[in-house]
C-alpha cells in the first residue's frame, strides 16, 4: 500500500489528433498512468471579448500529486492553446489495486 495522493487531471483541445498526441506523450513521459479521450464535446466560452462556441475533445488523465507541478508544466508546453485548461482534482478513494498500478506507472523507474 502506498501513501501517494492521486489526482485526476483534464484538459481540452481542438482536435482528436491533438488529444491523442497529448495523451500519448504524457503517458510516455510517465506523467500520467493513463488518459481517456472524450468527445467531441461542445464548449462555450468568452475569448477576446466575444462568446465563442467550438467543438473540442476532453482528455482526462490519472496522475499523482507528487508530480503535479511537472505534469502541469509539461502539459502546458505540449499544448497548442494560448491558455490551456489544465485542472486537477484529488481522487479521494479508489480500488487499491488500481491506485497501486497508477503509482507504479508514474514513477521514473518502474519496479
PDB file of N, CA and C in Angstrom:
ATOM      1  N   UNK A   1       0.852  -1.188   0.000  1.00  0.00           N
ATOM      2  CA  UNK A   1       0.000   0.000   0.000  1.00  0.00           C
ATOM      3  C   UNK A   1       0.892   1.244   0.000  1.00  0.00           C
ATOM      4  N   UNK A   2       0.600   2.188  -0.870  1.00  0.00           N
ATOM      5  CA  UNK A   2       1.385   3.418  -0.946  1.00  0.00           C
ATOM      6  C   UNK A   2       0.668   4.545  -0.230  1.00  0.00           C
ATOM      7  N   UNK A   3       1.410   5.599   0.033  1.00  0.00           N
ATOM      8  CA  UNK A   3       0.817   6.770   0.687  1.00  0.00           C
ATOM      9  C   UNK A   3       0.676   7.935  -0.287  1.00  0.00           C
ATOM     10  N   UNK A   4       0.660   7.631  -1.581  1.00  0.00           N
ATOM     11  CA  UNK A   4       0.536   8.670  -2.597  1.00  0.00           C
ATOM     12  C   UNK A   4      -0.815   9.367  -2.517  1.00  0.00           C
ATOM     13  N   UNK A   5      -0.845  10.606  -2.988  1.00  0.00           N
ATOM     14  CA  UNK A   5      -2.089  11.332  -3.216  1.00  0.00           C
ATOM     15  C   UNK A   5      -2.309  11.293  -4.723  1.00  0.00           C
ATOM     16  N   UNK A   6      -3.490  10.863  -5.123  1.00  0.00           N
ATOM     17  CA  UNK A   6      -3.802  10.648  -6.531  1.00  0.00           C
ATOM     18  C   UNK A   6      -4.664  11.780  -7.066  1.00  0.00           C
ATOM     19  N   UNK A   7      -4.464  12.073  -8.354  1.00  0.00           N
ATOM     20  CA  UNK A   7      -5.191  13.159  -8.997  1.00  0.00           C
ATOM     21  C   UNK A   7      -5.778  12.709 -10.319  1.00  0.00           C
ATOM     22  N   UNK A   8      -6.913  13.299 -10.642  1.00  0.00           N
ATOM     23  CA  UNK A   8      -7.455  13.227 -11.991  1.00  0.00           C
ATOM     24  C   UNK A   8      -7.258  14.615 -12.581  1.00  0.00           C
ATOM     25  N   UNK A   9      -6.683  14.678 -13.754  1.00  0.00           N
ATOM     26  CA  UNK A   9      -6.424  15.957 -14.411  1.00  0.00           C
ATOM     27  C   UNK A   9      -7.151  15.962 -15.737  1.00  0.00           C
ATOM     28  N   UNK A  10      -7.506  17.155 -16.204  1.00  0.00           N
ATOM     29  CA  UNK A  10      -8.143  17.222 -17.513  1.00  0.00           C
ATOM     30  C   UNK A  10      -7.770  18.486 -18.246  1.00  0.00           C
ATOM     31  N   UNK A  11      -7.868  18.360 -19.560  1.00  0.00           N
ATOM     32  CA  UNK A  11      -7.648  19.474 -20.459  1.00  0.00           C
ATOM     33  C   UNK A  11      -8.567  19.292 -21.655  1.00  0.00           C
ATOM     34  N   UNK A  12      -8.736  20.341 -22.437  1.00  0.00           N
ATOM     35  CA  UNK A  12      -9.481  20.250 -23.685  1.00  0.00           C
ATOM     36  C   UNK A  12      -8.556  20.668 -24.823  1.00  0.00           C
ATOM     37  N   UNK A  13      -8.869  20.163 -26.003  1.00  0.00           N
ATOM     38  CA  UNK A  13      -8.095  20.505 -27.180  1.00  0.00           C
ATOM     39  C   UNK A  13      -9.013  20.518 -28.404  1.00  0.00           C
ATOM     40  N   UNK A  14      -8.542  21.105 -29.474  1.00  0.00           N
ATOM     41  CA  UNK A  14      -9.394  21.344 -30.630  1.00  0.00           C
ATOM     42  C   UNK A  14      -9.546  20.214 -31.623  1.00  0.00           C
ATOM     43  N   UNK A  15      -8.785  19.124 -31.467  1.00  0.00           N
ATOM     44  CA  UNK A  15      -8.904  18.028 -32.426  1.00  0.00           C
ATOM     45  C   UNK A  15      -8.624  16.692 -31.748  1.00  0.00           C
ATOM     46  N   UNK A  16      -9.163  15.638 -32.326  1.00  0.00           N
ATOM     47  CA  UNK A  16      -8.894  14.290 -31.799  1.00  0.00           C
ATOM     48  C   UNK A  16      -7.402  13.977 -31.919  1.00  0.00           C
ATOM     49  N   UNK A  17      -6.787  14.345 -33.023  1.00  0.00           N
ATOM     50  CA  UNK A  17      -5.357  14.077 -33.214  1.00  0.00           C
ATOM     51  C   UNK A  17      -4.528  14.744 -32.129  1.00  0.00           C
ATOM     52  N   UNK A  18      -4.861  15.973 -31.786  1.00  0.00           N
ATOM     53  CA  UNK A  18      -4.120  16.671 -30.737  1.00  0.00           C
ATOM     54  C   UNK A  18      -4.377  16.022 -29.375  1.00  0.00           C
ATOM     55  N   UNK A  19      -5.606  15.604 -29.117  1.00  0.00           N
ATOM     56  CA  UNK A  19      -5.923  14.913 -27.864  1.00  0.00           C
ATOM     57  C   UNK A  19      -5.108  13.631 -27.756  1.00  0.00           C
ATOM     58  N   UNK A  20      -5.031  12.869 -28.843  1.00  0.00           N
ATOM     59  CA  UNK A  20      -4.259  11.630 -28.839  1.00  0.00           C
ATOM     60  C   UNK A  20      -2.772  11.901 -28.643  1.00  0.00           C
ATOM     61  N   UNK A  21      -2.279  12.967 -29.245  1.00  0.00           N
ATOM     62  CA  UNK A  21      -0.867  13.351 -29.081  1.00  0.00           C
ATOM     63  C   UNK A  21      -0.562  13.683 -27.628  1.00  0.00           C
ATOM     64  N   UNK A  22      -1.410  14.509 -27.005  1.00  0.00           N
ATOM     65  CA  UNK A  22      -1.196  14.873 -25.603  1.00  0.00           C
ATOM     66  C   UNK A  22      -1.279  13.648 -24.693  1.00  0.00           C
ATOM     67  N   UNK A  23      -2.278  12.810 -24.918  1.00  0.00           N
ATOM     68  CA  UNK A  23      -2.452  11.612 -24.094  1.00  0.00           C
ATOM     69  C   UNK A  23      -1.233  10.705 -24.206  1.00  0.00           C
ATOM     70  N   UNK A  24      -0.811  10.441 -25.420  1.00  0.00           N
ATOM     71  CA  UNK A  24       0.326   9.545 -25.647  1.00  0.00           C
ATOM     72  C   UNK A  24       1.603  10.103 -25.039  1.00  0.00           C
ATOM     73  N   UNK A  25       1.839  11.377 -25.232  1.00  0.00           N
ATOM     74  CA  UNK A  25       3.072  11.991 -24.733  1.00  0.00           C
ATOM     75  C   UNK A  25       3.129  11.998 -23.202  1.00  0.00           C
ATOM     76  N   UNK A  26       2.024  12.312 -22.551  1.00  0.00           N
ATOM     77  CA  UNK A  26       2.035  12.362 -21.083  1.00  0.00           C
ATOM     78  C   UNK A  26       2.187  10.962 -20.482  1.00  0.00           C
ATOM     79  N   UNK A  27       1.606   9.950 -21.109  1.00  0.00           N
ATOM     80  CA  UNK A  27       1.781   8.573 -20.626  1.00  0.00           C
ATOM     81  C   UNK A  27       3.214   8.111 -20.916  1.00  0.00           C
ATOM     82  N   UNK A  28       3.734   8.412 -22.090  1.00  0.00           N
ATOM     83  CA  UNK A  28       5.112   8.050 -22.438  1.00  0.00           C
ATOM     84  C   UNK A  28       6.098   8.655 -21.451  1.00  0.00           C
ATOM     85  N   UNK A  29       5.870   9.886 -21.044  1.00  0.00           N
ATOM     86  CA  UNK A  29       6.760  10.571 -20.097  1.00  0.00           C
ATOM     87  C   UNK A  29       6.545  10.116 -18.649  1.00  0.00           C
ATOM     88  N   UNK A  30       5.598   9.212 -18.425  1.00  0.00           N
ATOM     89  CA  UNK A  30       5.241   8.705 -17.093  1.00  0.00           C
ATOM     90  C   UNK A  30       4.699   9.805 -16.181  1.00  0.00           C
ATOM     91  N   UNK A  31       4.115  10.830 -16.788  1.00  0.00           N
ATOM     92  CA  UNK A  31       3.462  11.881 -16.003  1.00  0.00           C
ATOM     93  C   UNK A  31       1.993  11.561 -15.792  1.00  0.00           C
ATOM     94  N   UNK A  32       1.488  10.600 -16.520  1.00  0.00           N
ATOM     95  CA  UNK A  32       0.128  10.087 -16.354  1.00  0.00           C
ATOM     96  C   UNK A  32       0.173   8.579 -16.529  1.00  0.00           C
ATOM     97  N   UNK A  33      -0.617   7.888 -15.723  1.00  0.00           N
ATOM     98  CA  UNK A  33      -0.697   6.437 -15.854  1.00  0.00           C
ATOM     99  C   UNK A  33      -1.548   6.063 -17.057  1.00  0.00           C
ATOM    100  N   UNK A  34      -2.553   6.876 -17.325  1.00  0.00           N
ATOM    101  CA  UNK A  34      -3.450   6.625 -18.442  1.00  0.00           C
ATOM    102  C   UNK A  34      -4.168   7.917 -18.796  1.00  0.00           C
ATOM    103  N   UNK A  35      -4.830   7.896 -19.931  1.00  0.00           N
ATOM    104  CA  UNK A  35      -5.614   9.052 -20.362  1.00  0.00           C
ATOM    105  C   UNK A  35      -6.807   8.558 -21.152  1.00  0.00           C
ATOM    106  N   UNK A  36      -7.936   9.179 -20.935  1.00  0.00           N
ATOM    107  CA  UNK A  36      -9.135   8.882 -21.719  1.00  0.00           C
ATOM    108  C   UNK A  36      -9.472  10.111 -22.551  1.00  0.00           C
ATOM    109  N   UNK A  37      -9.875   9.859 -23.779  1.00  0.00           N
ATOM    110  CA  UNK A  37     -10.261  10.935 -24.689  1.00  0.00           C
ATOM    111  C   UNK A  37     -11.770  10.857 -24.875  1.00  0.00           C
ATOM    112  N   UNK A  38     -12.431  11.956 -24.606  1.00  0.00           N
ATOM    113  CA  UNK A  38     -13.888  12.026 -24.652  1.00  0.00           C
ATOM    114  C   UNK A  38     -14.276  13.096 -25.666  1.00  0.00           C
ATOM    115  N   UNK A  39     -15.194  12.762 -26.535  1.00  0.00           N
ATOM    116  CA  UNK A  39     -15.654  13.785 -27.454  1.00  0.00           C
ATOM    117  C   UNK A  39     -16.013  13.228 -28.809  1.00  0.00           C
ATOM    118  N   UNK A  40     -16.437  14.139 -29.645  1.00  0.00           N
ATOM    119  CA  UNK A  40     -16.363  15.582 -29.446  1.00  0.00           C
ATOM    120  C   UNK A  40     -17.399  16.098 -28.448  1.00  0.00           C
ATOM    121  N   UNK A  41     -17.041  17.219 -27.839  1.00  0.00           N
ATOM    122  CA  UNK A  41     -17.924  17.954 -26.946  1.00  0.00           C
ATOM    123  C   UNK A  41     -18.066  19.368 -27.496  1.00  0.00           C
ATOM    124  N   UNK A  42     -19.032  20.098 -27.028  1.00  0.00           N
ATOM    125  CA  UNK A  42     -19.226  21.491 -27.436  1.00  0.00           C
ATOM    126  C   UNK A  42     -18.851  22.374 -26.260  1.00  0.00           C
ATOM    127  N   UNK A  43     -17.938  23.307 -26.468  1.00  0.00           N
ATOM    128  CA  UNK A  43     -17.524  24.250 -25.430  1.00  0.00           C
ATOM    129  C   UNK A  43     -17.979  25.647 -25.805  1.00  0.00           C
ATOM    130  N   UNK A  44     -18.512  26.361 -24.835  1.00  0.00           N
ATOM    131  CA  UNK A  44     -18.920  27.753 -24.997  1.00  0.00           C
ATOM    132  C   UNK A  44     -18.123  28.557 -23.981  1.00  0.00           C
ATOM    133  N   UNK A  45     -17.453  29.611 -24.440  1.00  0.00           N
ATOM    134  CA  UNK A  45     -16.543  30.368 -23.576  1.00  0.00           C
ATOM    135  C   UNK A  45     -16.364  31.781 -24.134  1.00  0.00           C
ATOM    136  N   UNK A  46     -15.842  32.654 -23.296  1.00  0.00           N
ATOM    137  CA  UNK A  46     -15.543  34.026 -23.724  1.00  0.00           C
ATOM    138  C   UNK A  46     -14.058  34.109 -24.037  1.00  0.00           C
ATOM    139  N   UNK A  47     -13.726  34.632 -25.223  1.00  0.00           N
ATOM    140  CA  UNK A  47     -12.333  34.781 -25.629  1.00  0.00           C
ATOM    141  C   UNK A  47     -12.202  36.036 -26.465  1.00  0.00           C
ATOM    142  N   UNK A  48     -11.255  36.882 -26.104  1.00  0.00           N
ATOM    143  CA  UNK A  48     -11.017  38.149 -26.806  1.00  0.00           C
ATOM    144  C   UNK A  48     -12.291  38.990 -26.901  1.00  0.00           C
ATOM    145  N   UNK A  49     -13.049  39.010 -25.824  1.00  0.00           N
ATOM    146  CA  UNK A  49     -14.225  39.867 -25.739  1.00  0.00           C
ATOM    147  C   UNK A  49     -15.482  39.352 -26.403  1.00  0.00           C
ATOM    148  N   UNK A  50     -15.446  38.158 -26.950  1.00  0.00           N
ATOM    149  CA  UNK A  50     -16.626  37.617 -27.633  1.00  0.00           C
ATOM    150  C   UNK A  50     -16.909  36.205 -27.133  1.00  0.00           C
ATOM    151  N   UNK A  51     -18.182  35.841 -27.150  1.00  0.00           N
ATOM    152  CA  UNK A  51     -18.574  34.490 -26.794  1.00  0.00           C
ATOM    153  C   UNK A  51     -18.306  33.584 -27.993  1.00  0.00           C
ATOM    154  N   UNK A  52     -17.590  32.512 -27.751  1.00  0.00           N
ATOM    155  CA  UNK A  52     -17.207  31.547 -28.780  1.00  0.00           C
ATOM    156  C   UNK A  52     -17.890  30.215 -28.502  1.00  0.00           C
ATOM    157  N   UNK A  53     -18.035  29.410 -29.518  1.00  0.00           N
ATOM    158  CA  UNK A  53     -18.554  28.048 -29.385  1.00  0.00           C
ATOM    159  C   UNK A  53     -17.785  27.167 -30.353  1.00  0.00           C
ATOM    160  N   UNK A  54     -17.128  26.148 -29.810  1.00  0.00           N
ATOM    161  CA  UNK A  54     -16.293  25.279 -30.635  1.00  0.00           C
ATOM    162  C   UNK A  54     -16.433  23.827 -30.234  1.00  0.00           C
ATOM    163  N   UNK A  55     -16.130  22.957 -31.181  1.00  0.00           N
ATOM    164  CA  UNK A  55     -16.039  21.529 -30.898  1.00  0.00           C
ATOM    165  C   UNK A  55     -14.657  21.271 -30.305  1.00  0.00           C
ATOM    166  N   UNK A  56     -14.621  20.514 -29.207  1.00  0.00           N
ATOM    167  CA  UNK A  56     -13.364  20.171 -28.558  1.00  0.00           C
ATOM    168  C   UNK A  56     -13.390  18.711 -28.132  1.00  0.00           C
ATOM    169  N   UNK A  57     -12.238  18.256 -27.660  1.00  0.00           N
ATOM    170  CA  UNK A  57     -12.086  16.925 -27.079  1.00  0.00           C
ATOM    171  C   UNK A  57     -11.546  17.093 -25.668  1.00  0.00           C
ATOM    172  N   UNK A  58     -12.119  16.347 -24.749  1.00  0.00           N
ATOM    173  CA  UNK A  58     -11.695  16.359 -23.351  1.00  0.00           C
ATOM    174  C   UNK A  58     -10.724  15.209 -23.147  1.00  0.00           C
ATOM    175  N   UNK A  59      -9.578  15.506 -22.556  1.00  0.00           N
ATOM    176  CA  UNK A  59      -8.606  14.472 -22.217  1.00  0.00           C
ATOM    177  C   UNK A  59      -8.513  14.423 -20.699  1.00  0.00           C
ATOM    178  N   UNK A  60      -8.774  13.233 -20.151  1.00  0.00           N
ATOM    179  CA  UNK A  60      -8.763  13.025 -18.701  1.00  0.00           C
ATOM    180  C   UNK A  60      -7.584  12.102 -18.368  1.00  0.00           C
ATOM    181  N   UNK A  61      -6.722  12.559 -17.459  1.00  0.00           N
ATOM    182  CA  UNK A  61      -5.517  11.837 -17.067  1.00  0.00           C
ATOM    183  C   UNK A  61      -5.617  11.392 -15.608  1.00  0.00           C
ATOM    184  N   UNK A  62      -4.864  10.346 -15.245  1.00  0.00           N
ATOM    185  CA  UNK A  62      -4.679   9.962 -13.849  1.00  0.00           C
ATOM    186  C   UNK A  62      -3.199  10.140 -13.532  1.00  0.00           C
ATOM    187  N   UNK A  63      -2.906  10.829 -12.411  1.00  0.00           N
ATOM    188  CA  UNK A  63      -1.530  11.117 -12.036  1.00  0.00           C
ATOM    189  C   UNK A  63      -1.418  11.183 -10.514  1.00  0.00           C
ATOM    190  N   UNK A  64      -0.272  11.617 -10.030  1.00  0.00           N
ATOM    191  CA  UNK A  64      -0.028  11.735  -8.590  1.00  0.00           C
ATOM    192  C   UNK A  64       0.306  13.183  -8.233  1.00  0.00           C
ATOM    193  N   UNK A  65      -0.064  13.581  -7.020  1.00  0.00           N
ATOM    194  CA  UNK A  65       0.213  14.941  -6.550  1.00  0.00           C
ATOM    195  C   UNK A  65       1.712  15.215  -6.492  1.00  0.00           C
ATOM    196  N   UNK A  66       2.508  14.196  -6.219  1.00  0.00           N
ATOM    197  CA  UNK A  66       3.957  14.374  -6.110  1.00  0.00           C
ATOM    198  C   UNK A  66       4.582  14.880  -7.410  1.00  0.00           C
ATOM    199  N   UNK A  67       3.939  14.642  -8.534  1.00  0.00           N
ATOM    200  CA  UNK A  67       4.487  15.094  -9.817  1.00  0.00           C
ATOM    201  C   UNK A  67       3.574  16.113 -10.501  1.00  0.00           C
ATOM    202  N   UNK A  68       2.648  16.688  -9.749  1.00  0.00           N
ATOM    203  CA  UNK A  68       1.647  17.590 -10.328  1.00  0.00           C
ATOM    204  C   UNK A  68       2.256  18.831 -10.972  1.00  0.00           C
ATOM    205  N   UNK A  69       3.246  19.432 -10.357  1.00  0.00           N
ATOM    206  CA  UNK A  69       3.832  20.651 -10.930  1.00  0.00           C
ATOM    207  C   UNK A  69       4.513  20.348 -12.266  1.00  0.00           C
ATOM    208  N   UNK A  70       5.240  19.248 -12.320  1.00  0.00           N
ATOM    209  CA  UNK A  70       5.874  18.855 -13.581  1.00  0.00           C
ATOM    210  C   UNK A  70       4.807  18.494 -14.606  1.00  0.00           C
ATOM    211  N   UNK A  71       3.758  17.786 -14.184  1.00  0.00           N
ATOM    212  CA  UNK A  71       2.649  17.437 -15.079  1.00  0.00           C
ATOM    213  C   UNK A  71       2.075  18.707 -15.710  1.00  0.00           C
ATOM    214  N   UNK A  72       1.726  19.691 -14.893  1.00  0.00           N
ATOM    215  CA  UNK A  72       1.129  20.934 -15.413  1.00  0.00           C
ATOM    216  C   UNK A  72       2.084  21.660 -16.353  1.00  0.00           C
ATOM    217  N   UNK A  73       3.333  21.761 -15.966  1.00  0.00           N
ATOM    218  CA  UNK A  73       4.314  22.477 -16.778  1.00  0.00           C
ATOM    219  C   UNK A  73       4.491  21.810 -18.145  1.00  0.00           C
ATOM    220  N   UNK A  74       4.669  20.496 -18.158  1.00  0.00           N
ATOM    221  CA  UNK A  74       4.924  19.815 -19.428  1.00  0.00           C
ATOM    222  C   UNK A  74       3.681  19.738 -20.294  1.00  0.00           C
ATOM    223  N   UNK A  75       2.508  19.576 -19.687  1.00  0.00           N
ATOM    224  CA  UNK A  75       1.275  19.594 -20.481  1.00  0.00           C
ATOM    225  C   UNK A  75       1.090  20.962 -21.130  1.00  0.00           C
ATOM    226  N   UNK A  76       1.350  22.032 -20.382  1.00  0.00           N
ATOM    227  CA  UNK A  76       1.229  23.383 -20.945  1.00  0.00           C
ATOM    228  C   UNK A  76       2.206  23.595 -22.101  1.00  0.00           C
ATOM    229  N   UNK A  77       3.424  23.064 -21.972  1.00  0.00           N
ATOM    230  CA  UNK A  77       4.416  23.197 -23.039  1.00  0.00           C
ATOM    231  C   UNK A  77       3.999  22.441 -24.304  1.00  0.00           C
ATOM    232  N   UNK A  78       3.351  21.292 -24.130  1.00  0.00           N
ATOM    233  CA  UNK A  78       2.916  20.477 -25.263  1.00  0.00           C
ATOM    234  C   UNK A  78       1.641  20.997 -25.922  1.00  0.00           C
ATOM    235  N   UNK A  79       0.862  21.761 -25.181  1.00  0.00           N
ATOM    236  CA  UNK A  79      -0.467  22.177 -25.615  1.00  0.00           C
ATOM    237  C   UNK A  79      -0.396  23.223 -26.716  1.00  0.00           C
ATOM    238  N   UNK A  80      -1.380  23.220 -27.599  1.00  0.00           N
ATOM    239  CA  UNK A  80      -1.413  24.202 -28.687  1.00  0.00           C
ATOM    240  C   UNK A  80      -2.184  25.470 -28.326  1.00  0.00           C
ATOM    241  N   UNK A  81      -2.967  25.437 -27.242  1.00  0.00           N
ATOM    242  CA  UNK A  81      -3.756  26.614 -26.852  1.00  0.00           C
ATOM    243  C   UNK A  81      -2.879  27.657 -26.160  1.00  0.00           C
ATOM    244  N   UNK A  82      -3.219  28.932 -26.335  1.00  0.00           N
ATOM    245  CA  UNK A  82      -2.525  30.016 -25.634  1.00  0.00           C
ATOM    246  C   UNK A  82      -2.735  29.914 -24.128  1.00  0.00           C
ATOM    247  N   UNK A  83      -3.960  29.590 -23.731  1.00  0.00           N
ATOM    248  CA  UNK A  83      -4.321  29.453 -22.314  1.00  0.00           C
ATOM    249  C   UNK A  83      -5.017  28.094 -22.160  1.00  0.00           C
ATOM    250  N   UNK A  84      -4.241  27.026 -22.024  1.00  0.00           N
ATOM    251  CA  UNK A  84      -4.879  25.715 -21.930  1.00  0.00           C
ATOM    252  C   UNK A  84      -5.584  25.510 -20.597  1.00  0.00           C
ATOM    253  N   UNK A  85      -6.718  24.851 -20.666  1.00  0.00           N
ATOM    254  CA  UNK A  85      -7.422  24.427 -19.453  1.00  0.00           C
ATOM    255  C   UNK A  85      -6.649  23.241 -18.890  1.00  0.00           C
ATOM    256  N   UNK A  86      -6.091  23.404 -17.698  1.00  0.00           N
ATOM    257  CA  UNK A  86      -5.422  22.306 -17.003  1.00  0.00           C
ATOM    258  C   UNK A  86      -5.962  22.311 -15.584  1.00  0.00           C
ATOM    259  N   UNK A  87      -6.832  21.366 -15.295  1.00  0.00           N
ATOM    260  CA  UNK A  87      -7.478  21.276 -13.989  1.00  0.00           C
ATOM    261  C   UNK A  87      -7.098  19.958 -13.341  1.00  0.00           C
ATOM    262  N   UNK A  88      -6.856  19.995 -12.023  1.00  0.00           N
ATOM    263  CA  UNK A  88      -6.514  18.790 -11.282  1.00  0.00           C
ATOM    264  C   UNK A  88      -7.470  18.640 -10.109  1.00  0.00           C
ATOM    265  N   UNK A  89      -7.934  17.402  -9.898  1.00  0.00           N
ATOM    266  CA  UNK A  89      -8.878  17.093  -8.829  1.00  0.00           C
ATOM    267  C   UNK A  89      -8.336  15.913  -8.027  1.00  0.00           C
ATOM    268  N   UNK A  90      -8.432  16.003  -6.716  1.00  0.00           N
ATOM    269  CA  UNK A  90      -7.960  14.898  -5.883  1.00  0.00           C
ATOM    270  C   UNK A  90      -8.923  13.713  -5.966  1.00  0.00           C
ATOM    271  N   UNK A  91      -8.346  12.541  -6.111  1.00  0.00           N
ATOM    272  CA  UNK A  91      -9.117  11.298  -6.061  1.00  0.00           C
ATOM    273  C   UNK A  91      -9.162  10.893  -4.599  1.00  0.00           C
ATOM    274  N   UNK A  92     -10.323  10.888  -4.013  1.00  0.00           N
ATOM    275  CA  UNK A  92     -10.456  10.629  -2.582  1.00  0.00           C
ATOM    276  C   UNK A  92     -10.427   9.157  -2.228  1.00  0.00           C
ATOM    277  N   UNK A  93     -10.796   8.303  -3.175  1.00  0.00           N
ATOM    278  CA  UNK A  93     -10.814   6.875  -2.903  1.00  0.00           C
ATOM    279  C   UNK A  93     -10.826   6.133  -4.226  1.00  0.00           C
ATOM    280  N   UNK A  94     -10.440   4.869  -4.195  1.00  0.00           N
ATOM    281  CA  UNK A  94     -10.444   4.049  -5.387  1.00  0.00           C
ATOM    282  C   UNK A  94      -9.990   2.649  -5.044  1.00  0.00           C
ATOM    283  N   UNK A  95     -10.047   1.761  -6.000  1.00  0.00           N
ATOM    284  CA  UNK A  95      -9.610   0.391  -5.726  1.00  0.00           C
ATOM    285  C   UNK A  95      -8.104   0.397  -5.479  1.00  0.00           C
ATOM    286  N   UNK A  96      -7.698  -0.305  -4.463  1.00  0.00           N
ATOM    287  CA  UNK A  96      -6.284  -0.333  -4.072  1.00  0.00           C
ATOM    288  C   UNK A  96      -5.403  -0.833  -5.204  1.00  0.00           C
ATOM    289  N   UNK A  97      -5.845  -1.871  -5.902  1.00  0.00           N
ATOM    290  CA  UNK A  97      -5.014  -2.412  -6.978  1.00  0.00           C
ATOM    291  C   UNK A  97      -4.825  -1.385  -8.102  1.00  0.00           C
ATOM    292  N   UNK A  98      -5.876  -0.624  -8.418  1.00  0.00           N
ATOM    293  CA  UNK A  98      -5.759   0.407  -9.465  1.00  0.00           C
ATOM    294  C   UNK A  98      -4.827   1.527  -9.008  1.00  0.00           C
ATOM    295  N   UNK A  99      -4.989   1.985  -7.783  1.00  0.00           N
ATOM    296  CA  UNK A  99      -4.146   3.074  -7.290  1.00  0.00           C
ATOM    297  C   UNK A  99      -2.684   2.650  -7.189  1.00  0.00           C
ATOM    298  N   UNK A 100      -2.435   1.414  -6.813  1.00  0.00           N
ATOM    299  CA  UNK A 100      -1.062   0.911  -6.798  1.00  0.00           C
ATOM    300  C   UNK A 100      -0.488   0.887  -8.214  1.00  0.00           C
ATOM    301  N   UNK A 101      -1.299   0.459  -9.183  1.00  0.00           N
ATOM    302  CA  UNK A 101      -0.883   0.461 -10.585  1.00  0.00           C
ATOM    303  C   UNK A 101      -0.577   1.890 -11.042  1.00  0.00           C
ATOM    304  N   UNK A 102      -1.438   2.837 -10.686  1.00  0.00           N
ATOM    305  CA  UNK A 102      -1.238   4.243 -11.033  1.00  0.00           C
ATOM    306  C   UNK A 102       0.105   4.720 -10.495  1.00  0.00           C
ATOM    307  N   UNK A 103       0.403   4.406  -9.244  1.00  0.00           N
ATOM    308  CA  UNK A 103       1.691   4.797  -8.650  1.00  0.00           C
ATOM    309  C   UNK A 103       2.856   4.217  -9.438  1.00  0.00           C
ATOM    310  N   UNK A 104       2.784   2.953  -9.760  1.00  0.00           N
ATOM    311  CA  UNK A 104       3.857   2.278 -10.472  1.00  0.00           C
ATOM    312  C   UNK A 104       4.085   2.899 -11.847  1.00  0.00           C
ATOM    313  N   UNK A 105       3.023   3.218 -12.548  1.00  0.00           N
ATOM    314  CA  UNK A 105       3.122   3.743 -13.909  1.00  0.00           C
ATOM    315  C   UNK A 105       3.649   5.162 -13.977  1.00  0.00           C
ATOM    316  N   UNK A 106       3.587   5.894 -12.880  1.00  0.00           N
ATOM    317  CA  UNK A 106       4.029   7.291 -12.880  1.00  0.00           C
ATOM    318  C   UNK A 106       5.329   7.467 -12.101  1.00  0.00           C
ATOM    319  N   UNK A 107       6.087   6.429 -11.988  1.00  0.00           N
ATOM    320  CA  UNK A 107       7.419   6.503 -11.395  1.00  0.00           C
ATOM    321  C   UNK A 107       8.439   6.458 -12.532  1.00  0.00           C
ATOM    322  N   UNK A 108       9.530   7.210 -12.404  1.00  0.00           N
ATOM    323  CA  UNK A 108      10.515   7.273 -13.487  1.00  0.00           C
ATOM    324  C   UNK A 108      11.173   5.922 -13.743  1.00  0.00           C
ATOM    325  N   UNK A 109      11.346   5.121 -12.726  1.00  0.00           N
ATOM    326  CA  UNK A 109      11.900   3.773 -12.875  1.00  0.00           C
ATOM    327  C   UNK A 109      10.937   2.779 -12.269  1.00  0.00           C
ATOM    328  N   UNK A 110      10.056   2.173 -13.083  1.00  0.00           N
ATOM    329  CA  UNK A 110       9.090   1.235 -12.514  1.00  0.00           C
ATOM    330  C   UNK A 110       9.774   0.028 -11.886  1.00  0.00           C
ATOM    331  N   UNK A 111       9.149  -0.507 -10.862  1.00  0.00           N
ATOM    332  CA  UNK A 111       9.721  -1.672 -10.157  1.00  0.00           C
ATOM    333  C   UNK A 111       9.561  -2.925 -10.989  1.00  0.00           C
TER     334      UNK A 111
END
